[in-house]
Amino acid sequence: MEEFGVLLLEISKPSYWEYYYVSTYQNAFFDIEGANSIEEALAEGYQCTEEEAKEFFPKFRWVSNNVKR
């Protein structure tokens, strides 16, 4: 089983949102969204494995959401 997580973007403070994360629209387009809770970012963010994050998104911080598939 692989562990999935989301990709967070580091934004300097002050900023409007507490967390910025990568999301997808209809699994075709990537976008950056904002949230004030980590729970919302983990629920709404693009789901990928840590290996995918390192290979395709090295400038983002991968955070596990403790979901295994």
C-alpha atoms as a PDB file:
ATOM      1  CA  MET A   1       0.000   0.000   0.000  1.00  0.00           C
ATOM      2  CA  GLU A   2       1.183   3.468  -0.839  1.00  0.00           C
ATOM      3  CA  GLU A   3       0.740   6.474   1.425  1.00  0.00           C
ATOM      4  CA  PHE A   4      -0.827   9.562  -0.112  1.00  0.00           C
ATOM      5  CA  GLY A   5      -0.490  13.207   0.780  1.00  0.00           C
ATOM      6  CA  VAL A   6      -0.854  16.708  -0.627  1.00  0.00           C
ATOM      7  CA  LEU A   7       1.554  19.359  -1.874  1.00  0.00           C
ATOM      8  CA  LEU A   8       1.878  22.599   0.081  1.00  0.00           C
ATOM      9  CA  LEU A   9       3.442  25.785  -1.222  1.00  0.00           C
ATOM     10  CA  GLU A  10       5.527  27.926   1.125  1.00  0.00           C
ATOM     11  CA  ILE A  11       4.373  31.567   1.009  1.00  0.00           C
ATOM     12  CA  SER A  12       6.055  34.301   3.029  1.00  0.00           C
ATOM     13  CA  LYS A  13       3.970  35.861   5.783  1.00  0.00           C
ATOM     14  CA  PRO A  14       1.790  37.834   6.012  1.00  0.00           C
ATOM     15  CA  SER A  15      -0.529  36.155   3.563  1.00  0.00           C
ATOM     16  CA  TYR A  16      -4.290  35.874   3.184  1.00  0.00           C
ATOM     17  CA  TRP A  17      -4.414  32.087   3.737  1.00  0.00           C
ATOM     18  CA  GLU A  18      -2.558  30.000   6.283  1.00  0.00           C
ATOM     19  CA  TYR A  19      -1.944  27.139   3.790  1.00  0.00           C
ATOM     20  CA  TYR A  20      -1.572  27.120   0.010  1.00  0.00           C
ATOM     21  CA  TYR A  21      -1.896  23.769  -1.745  1.00  0.00           C
ATOM     22  CA  VAL A  22      -1.962  22.238  -5.213  1.00  0.00           C
ATOM     23  CA  SER A  23      -5.399  21.166  -6.436  1.00  0.00           C
ATOM     24  CA  THR A  24      -6.803  19.845  -9.690  1.00  0.00           C
ATOM     25  CA  TYR A  25      -9.874  20.765 -11.670  1.00  0.00           C
ATOM     26  CA  GLN A  26     -11.565  17.743 -13.293  1.00  0.00           C
ATOM     27  CA  ASN A  27      -8.204  15.895 -13.086  1.00  0.00           C
ATOM     28  CA  ALA A  28      -6.952  17.971 -16.012  1.00  0.00           C
ATOM     29  CA  PHE A  29      -5.679  21.307 -14.705  1.00  0.00           C
ATOM     30  CA  PHE A  30      -3.501  22.165 -11.724  1.00  0.00           C
ATOM     31  CA  ASP A  31      -4.208  25.215  -9.585  1.00  0.00           C
ATOM     32  CA  ILE A  32      -3.082  26.751  -6.298  1.00  0.00           C
ATOM     33  CA  GLU A  33      -5.807  27.092  -3.662  1.00  0.00           C
ATOM     34  CA  GLY A  34      -5.782  28.496  -0.140  1.00  0.00           C
ATOM     35  CA  ALA A  35      -7.153  27.321   3.197  1.00  0.00           C
ATOM     36  CA  ASN A  36      -6.967  28.388   6.828  1.00  0.00           C
ATOM     37  CA  SER A  37      -6.937  24.839   8.201  1.00  0.00           C
ATOM     38  CA  ILE A  38      -4.582  21.973   7.430  1.00  0.00           C
ATOM     39  CA  GLU A  39      -7.584  19.619   7.465  1.00  0.00           C
ATOM     40  CA  GLU A  40      -9.172  21.492   4.544  1.00  0.00           C
ATOM     41  CA  ALA A  41      -5.896  21.511   2.602  1.00  0.00           C
ATOM     42  CA  LEU A  42      -5.458  17.761   3.150  1.00  0.00           C
ATOM     43  CA  ALA A  43      -9.044  17.033   2.106  1.00  0.00           C
ATOM     44  CA  GLU A  44      -9.126  19.263  -0.988  1.00  0.00           C
ATOM     45  CA  GLY A  45      -5.535  19.033  -2.245  1.00  0.00           C
ATOM     46  CA  TYR A  46      -4.162  16.969  -5.119  1.00  0.00           C
ATOM     47  CA  GLN A  47      -3.401  13.477  -3.798  1.00  0.00           C
ATOM     48  CA  CYS A  48      -0.026  11.965  -4.700  1.00  0.00           C
ATOM     49  CA  THR A  49       2.637   9.724  -3.224  1.00  0.00           C
ATOM     50  CA  GLU A  50       5.841  11.050  -1.710  1.00  0.00           C
ATOM     51  CA  GLU A  51       7.822   9.590  -4.633  1.00  0.00           C
ATOM     52  CA  GLU A  52       5.641  11.441  -7.178  1.00  0.00           C
ATOM     53  CA  ALA A  53       6.065  14.646  -5.200  1.00  0.00           C
ATOM     54  CA  LYS A  54       9.863  14.354  -5.211  1.00  0.00           C
ATOM     55  CA  GLU A  55       9.999  13.550  -8.927  1.00  0.00           C
ATOM     56  CA  PHE A  56       7.438  15.958 -10.382  1.00  0.00           C
ATOM     57  CA  PHE A  57       6.989  18.667  -7.735  1.00  0.00           C
ATOM     58  CA  PRO A  58      10.370  19.194  -6.026  1.00  0.00           C
ATOM     59  CA  LYS A  59       9.646  22.808  -5.020  1.00  0.00           C
ATOM     60  CA  PHE A  60       6.578  21.898  -2.980  1.00  0.00           C
ATOM     61  CA  ARG A  61       6.405  20.397   0.496  1.00  0.00           C
ATOM     62  CA  TRP A  62       4.658  17.015   0.593  1.00  0.00           C
ATOM     63  CA  VAL A  63       2.481  16.384   3.666  1.00  0.00           C
ATOM     64  CA  SER A  64       1.016  12.976   4.412  1.00  0.00           C
ATOM     65  CA  ASN A  65      -2.712  12.726   5.027  1.00  0.00           C
ATOM     66  CA  ASN A  66      -2.343   9.180   6.403  1.00  0.00           C
ATOM     67  CA  VAL A  67      -4.444   7.632   3.632  1.00  0.00           C
ATOM     68  CA  LYS A  68      -3.113   4.373   2.204  1.00  0.00           C
ATOM     69  CA  ARG A  69      -4.288   2.867  -1.086  1.00  0.00           C
END
